[in-house]
Amino acid sequence: MTRTFSLALACTAVLAAIPGGTAIATSTAHEAPAQSASVDADLVARGEYMVRMGGCNDCHTPGWSDSAGQLPTAQWLTGSPLGNVGPWGTTYPANLRLKVADMDEQAWLAYTGNLHTRPLMPDFNLRAMREDDRRAIYRFVRSLGPAGQPAPAYLPPGQRPPAPYLELVLPPVPPPAAH
């Protein structure tokens, strides 16, 4: 297991278990504009926190690990050309800023609430998040605006990707125990 993969799994597991992580109100039509702006700013700030603590940048932001997490938000979540090769084929971290730009909030909530992807993405942690947490992530990523290029397309097993890529060689499945 790679360090980045382990970190991403650990961070998203922690993220899914943050107590009180959804104490965020949503705005209503009768609130004053200043209150609505404050609620939205709170959601954006919460979303930034969720992205940072959830390890989203570990894979979805090129250079994140090399910079020790010190890249400006303008460079966050633009996807990566670094392929992850394994028995499932080759996957690439998506450009979340372009993905969010093509969705409204309800579509994002439905998408993330039912997401099933190939490794390395820990989609199970995203599905386990509370809706308010996923809403906060949406608001934050949306606030960044679209940037970058789409990630390379998935390659099926047996197709060699161009560099750069990480290859995960898994141990063979042990034979069933004799009884």
Foldseek 3Di string as FASTA:
>chain_A
DDPLLVQLVVLLVVLLVDPPLQPQDADDPPDDPVVNVVSLVVLLVSLVVSCVSNSVQSFQFPCCVVVVNPDPPLRGRQWDQAWEQDQFFTDTRWSVLVVLVPDDLVVQLVCLLDPDDDPPDPSVSSVSHDSSNSSSNSSNSPVSHDDHDTHDDTGGPPDDDDDDYDYDDDDDDDDDDDD
